Amino acid sequence: MCTKRMRHSTRAFLFQAGFWRRSVSLLLRYAHAGNHGAILLRSAIAAPKLGVHIRPMPIFSTALALFLFLAAGGLSAAERVAVFDFEMIDANSDAASLGSRPEEAQRLKAAATRLREALVRSGKFEMADLTPVEPSARAFSLSACNGCDGALARKVDAVISITGSVQKVQDVPRAMAVFVRDVETGKLLASKSVDIREDTDDAWKGAVDELAATCVLPLNFEDN
């Protein structure tokens, strides 16, 4: 089960208000036709309520509304997210690492890469470039630093931070988990752990896909 917490988004109102979409369409149509006169807001809003008088809106006001709309990130602006490389946690010692063996290190890095690709394909997220903070991320145990990943994510202008870990029991990987955090508030938005049924590439890929599909992608930031 994916544990989720609500996150407030200042773009929720802009996304829900159909006025913005209609204003953009109407403004472009008038501009194409070469009409620089007043644009009636009445023609941009379908079926107004009875008794409500809508006054004409000058083209300047509509252009201003368009500017504010674009500045807010558009109708479906992607969330800038920092997905850090996954860590291996040894259940016997609670120590975290980027892999004690070459094959472990490769699978941990591949897991983070696969999650990034899934998020980008969804269109809901864009990836932050972690190059400037990679040395610091490797120096910390992100799985046990009480949210220090948020500070690193902030340095690369991300609004969401995602860390992942694989728990190893008796030298065998048993479970994979992800943690989604709001960079601004530091609050945990969602987290989930799934079993790794076999210590194979396909089993690891399946665990990543399950976490993406059931925990990260369902998050709707526009409604939160």
Protein backbone atom coordinates (compact mmCIF):
# COMPACT_ATOMS: atom_id res chain seq x y z
CA MET A 1 0.00 0.00 0.00
CA CYS A 2 1.31 3.44 -0.96
CA THR A 3 1.14 5.91 1.91
CA LYS A 4 0.25 9.38 0.59
CA ARG A 5 -0.04 12.84 2.09
CA MET A 6 -1.66 15.87 0.53
CA ARG A 7 0.44 18.58 -1.07
CA HIS A 8 -0.86 22.07 -1.77
CA SER A 9 -0.30 23.42 -5.27
CA THR A 10 -0.74 27.06 -6.22
CA ARG A 11 -1.49 25.95 -9.78
CA ALA A 12 -4.66 24.06 -8.82
CA PHE A 13 -6.98 27.03 -9.35
CA LEU A 14 -5.41 27.96 -12.68
CA PHE A 15 -5.68 24.39 -13.90
CA GLN A 16 -9.33 24.05 -12.93
CA ALA A 17 -10.50 27.40 -14.28
CA GLY A 18 -11.70 26.80 -17.84
CA PHE A 19 -11.51 30.53 -18.47
CA TRP A 20 -7.78 30.36 -19.11
CA ARG A 21 -8.06 27.72 -21.82
CA ARG A 22 -10.84 29.61 -23.59
CA SER A 23 -9.03 32.96 -23.28
CA VAL A 24 -5.92 31.56 -24.93
CA SER A 25 -7.92 30.10 -27.82
CA LEU A 26 -9.93 33.29 -28.31
CA LEU A 27 -6.92 35.58 -28.14
CA LEU A 28 -5.05 33.56 -30.76
CA ARG A 29 -8.10 33.55 -33.05
CA TYR A 30 -8.51 37.32 -32.90
CA ALA A 31 -4.77 37.88 -33.36
CA HIS A 32 -4.78 35.67 -36.46
CA ALA A 33 -7.72 37.57 -37.89
CA GLY A 34 -6.00 40.90 -37.32
CA ASN A 35 -8.77 42.17 -35.07
CA HIS A 36 -7.26 44.47 -32.42
CA GLY A 37 -10.53 45.71 -30.98
CA ALA A 38 -12.18 44.72 -27.75
CA ILE A 39 -12.75 41.06 -27.04
CA LEU A 40 -15.92 40.16 -25.25
CA LEU A 41 -15.41 37.97 -22.25
CA ARG A 42 -18.99 36.85 -22.80
CA SER A 43 -17.92 34.96 -25.93
CA ALA A 44 -15.17 33.18 -23.98
CA ILE A 45 -17.41 31.86 -21.22
CA ALA A 46 -20.10 29.34 -22.06
CA ALA A 47 -23.59 29.59 -20.56
CA PRO A 48 -23.19 32.32 -17.88
CA LYS A 49 -25.48 32.21 -14.90
CA LEU A 50 -28.75 34.13 -15.12
CA GLY A 51 -28.61 37.62 -13.74
CA VAL A 52 -24.84 37.91 -14.07
CA HIS A 53 -23.73 40.78 -16.27
CA ILE A 54 -20.38 40.25 -17.99
CA ARG A 55 -18.70 43.38 -19.25
CA PRO A 56 -16.44 43.50 -22.31
CA MET A 57 -12.80 42.77 -21.54
CA PRO A 58 -10.22 44.85 -23.42
CA ILE A 59 -7.58 42.93 -25.32
CA PHE A 60 -4.95 44.26 -22.89
CA SER A 61 -6.68 42.56 -19.97
CA THR A 62 -6.94 39.31 -21.89
CA ALA A 63 -3.27 39.52 -22.82
CA LEU A 64 -2.43 40.11 -19.16
CA ALA A 65 -4.47 37.06 -18.21
CA LEU A 66 -2.59 35.06 -20.83
CA PHE A 67 0.74 36.25 -19.44
CA LEU A 68 -0.21 35.26 -15.91
CA PHE A 69 -1.39 31.90 -17.16
CA LEU A 70 1.89 31.19 -18.93
CA ALA A 71 3.90 32.42 -15.95
CA ALA A 72 2.04 29.93 -13.76
CA GLY A 73 3.38 27.07 -15.85
CA GLY A 74 0.58 26.27 -18.30
CA LEU A 75 -2.36 23.93 -17.99
CA SER A 76 -0.28 20.86 -17.22
CA ALA A 77 3.15 22.02 -16.15
CA ALA A 78 5.49 19.18 -15.32
CA GLU A 79 6.81 18.96 -11.78
CA ARG A 80 10.60 19.26 -11.61
CA VAL A 81 11.78 16.22 -9.68
CA ALA A 82 15.13 14.99 -8.37
CA VAL A 83 15.38 11.19 -8.42
CA PHE A 84 18.50 10.13 -6.56
CA ASP A 85 20.34 6.86 -7.11
CA PHE A 86 18.96 4.01 -5.02
CA GLU A 87 20.82 2.75 -1.96
CA MET A 88 21.33 -0.73 -0.56
CA ILE A 89 20.44 -1.19 3.12
CA ASP A 90 21.80 -4.18 5.00
CA ALA A 91 19.15 -5.27 7.52
CA ASN A 92 21.79 -6.77 9.78
CA SER A 93 23.63 -3.49 10.32
CA ASP A 94 21.22 -0.82 8.95
CA ALA A 95 24.19 0.50 6.97
CA ALA A 96 23.39 2.05 3.58
CA SER A 97 25.62 2.02 0.52
CA LEU A 98 25.51 2.36 -3.24
CA GLY A 99 26.28 -1.35 -3.52
CA SER A 100 28.98 -3.53 -1.99
CA ARG A 101 29.50 -5.45 -5.24
CA PRO A 102 29.72 -4.21 -8.86
CA GLU A 103 26.49 -6.00 -9.86
CA GLU A 104 24.65 -4.44 -6.92
CA ALA A 105 25.89 -0.96 -7.81
CA GLN A 106 24.84 -1.47 -11.41
CA ARG A 107 21.34 -2.61 -10.49
CA LEU A 108 20.84 0.23 -8.01
CA LYS A 109 21.80 2.80 -10.64
CA ALA A 110 19.66 1.06 -13.26
CA ALA A 111 16.66 1.11 -10.91
CA ALA A 112 16.87 4.88 -10.48
CA THR A 113 17.32 5.35 -14.23
CA ARG A 114 14.27 3.21 -14.98
CA LEU A 115 12.15 5.21 -12.53
CA ARG A 116 13.30 8.50 -14.07
CA GLU A 117 12.39 7.28 -17.55
CA ALA A 118 8.93 6.17 -16.40
CA LEU A 119 8.23 9.55 -14.81
CA VAL A 120 9.36 11.51 -17.86
CA ARG A 121 7.25 9.35 -20.20
CA SER A 122 4.16 10.19 -18.14
CA GLY A 123 4.49 13.88 -19.00
CA LYS A 124 3.85 14.83 -15.36
CA PHE A 125 7.51 15.21 -14.44
CA GLU A 126 10.73 16.67 -15.74
CA MET A 127 14.09 15.56 -14.38
CA ALA A 128 16.45 17.87 -12.54
CA ASP A 129 20.12 17.55 -13.45
CA LEU A 130 21.80 16.08 -10.36
CA THR A 131 25.37 16.56 -11.59
CA PRO A 132 26.10 19.51 -9.24
CA VAL A 133 25.00 17.57 -6.13
CA GLU A 134 26.13 14.03 -6.99
CA PRO A 135 29.28 14.17 -4.80
CA SER A 136 27.24 15.28 -1.79
CA ALA A 137 24.54 12.66 -2.47
CA ARG A 138 27.16 9.92 -2.52
CA ALA A 139 28.66 11.19 0.74
CA PHE A 140 25.35 11.02 2.62
CA SER A 141 23.17 8.05 3.44
CA LEU A 142 20.00 9.53 1.93
CA SER A 143 17.91 6.72 3.36
CA ALA A 144 18.78 7.67 6.92
CA CYS A 145 19.58 11.39 6.91
CA ASN A 146 16.09 12.56 7.93
CA GLY A 147 15.23 14.39 4.73
CA CYS A 148 18.62 15.81 3.76
CA ASP A 149 17.80 14.89 0.16
CA GLY A 150 15.45 17.87 0.12
CA ALA A 151 18.33 20.29 0.61
CA LEU A 152 20.20 18.72 -2.29
CA ALA A 153 17.11 18.75 -4.49
CA ARG A 154 16.57 22.45 -3.73
CA LYS A 155 20.04 23.22 -5.09
CA VAL A 156 19.02 21.89 -8.51
CA ASP A 157 15.66 23.73 -8.46
CA ALA A 158 13.56 20.59 -7.96
CA VAL A 159 10.22 20.79 -6.15
CA ILE A 160 9.95 17.05 -5.53
CA SER A 161 12.66 14.74 -4.19
CA ILE A 162 12.55 10.95 -4.62
CA THR A 163 14.88 8.52 -2.91
CA GLY A 164 14.86 4.76 -3.18
CA SER A 165 16.36 1.86 -1.29
CA VAL A 166 16.72 -1.89 -1.48
CA GLN A 167 16.74 -3.88 1.73
CA LYS A 168 19.07 -6.83 1.89
CA VAL A 169 18.51 -9.67 4.37
CA GLN A 170 21.23 -12.29 4.78
CA ASP A 171 22.96 -10.89 1.70
CA VAL A 172 19.84 -11.32 -0.46
CA PRO A 173 17.79 -8.31 -1.72
CA ARG A 174 14.26 -8.71 -0.38
CA ALA A 175 12.39 -5.42 -0.86
CA MET A 176 12.52 -2.11 -2.72
CA ALA A 177 11.07 1.16 -1.44
CA VAL A 178 10.61 4.74 -2.65
CA PHE A 179 10.05 7.94 -0.69
CA VAL A 180 8.53 11.04 -2.31
CA ARG A 181 9.16 14.31 -0.51
CA ASP A 182 8.02 17.92 -0.97
CA VAL A 183 11.22 19.96 -1.19
CA GLU A 184 9.67 23.19 0.07
CA THR A 185 8.05 21.77 3.20
CA GLY A 186 10.16 18.67 3.74
CA LYS A 187 6.98 16.61 4.18
CA LEU A 188 6.75 13.04 2.95
CA LEU A 189 4.12 12.93 0.20
CA ALA A 190 4.15 9.19 -0.45
CA SER A 191 6.11 6.05 0.27
CA LYS A 192 5.82 2.38 -0.58
CA SER A 193 7.78 -0.86 -0.33
CA VAL A 194 7.38 -3.89 -2.61
CA ASP A 195 8.93 -7.34 -2.55
CA ILE A 196 11.78 -8.36 -4.83
CA ARG A 197 10.76 -11.91 -5.66
CA GLU A 198 14.08 -12.95 -7.18
CA ASP A 199 17.54 -11.44 -7.30
CA THR A 200 17.44 -10.99 -11.07
CA ASP A 201 17.43 -8.02 -13.44
CA ASP A 202 13.82 -8.71 -14.43
CA ALA A 203 12.67 -8.89 -10.81
CA TRP A 204 14.32 -5.57 -10.02
CA LYS A 205 12.76 -3.96 -13.10
CA GLY A 206 9.36 -5.31 -12.07
CA ALA A 207 9.74 -3.81 -8.59
CA VAL A 208 10.59 -0.40 -10.06
CA ASP A 209 7.65 -0.54 -12.46
CA GLU A 210 5.27 -1.45 -9.63
CA LEU A 211 6.48 1.43 -7.47
CA ALA A 212 6.16 3.89 -10.34
CA ALA A 213 2.68 2.71 -11.34
CA THR A 214 1.17 2.36 -7.87
CA CYS A 215 2.89 5.04 -5.80
CA VAL A 216 4.54 7.87 -7.74
CA LEU A 217 2.55 8.30 -10.95
CA PRO A 218 -0.90 8.32 -9.25
CA LEU A 219 0.08 11.43 -7.27
CA ASN A 220 -2.01 14.34 -8.58
CA PHE A 221 -0.23 17.52 -7.61
CA GLU A 222 -2.74 19.78 -9.37
CA ASP A 223 -5.54 18.61 -7.06
CA ASN A 224 -3.48 18.66 -3.85
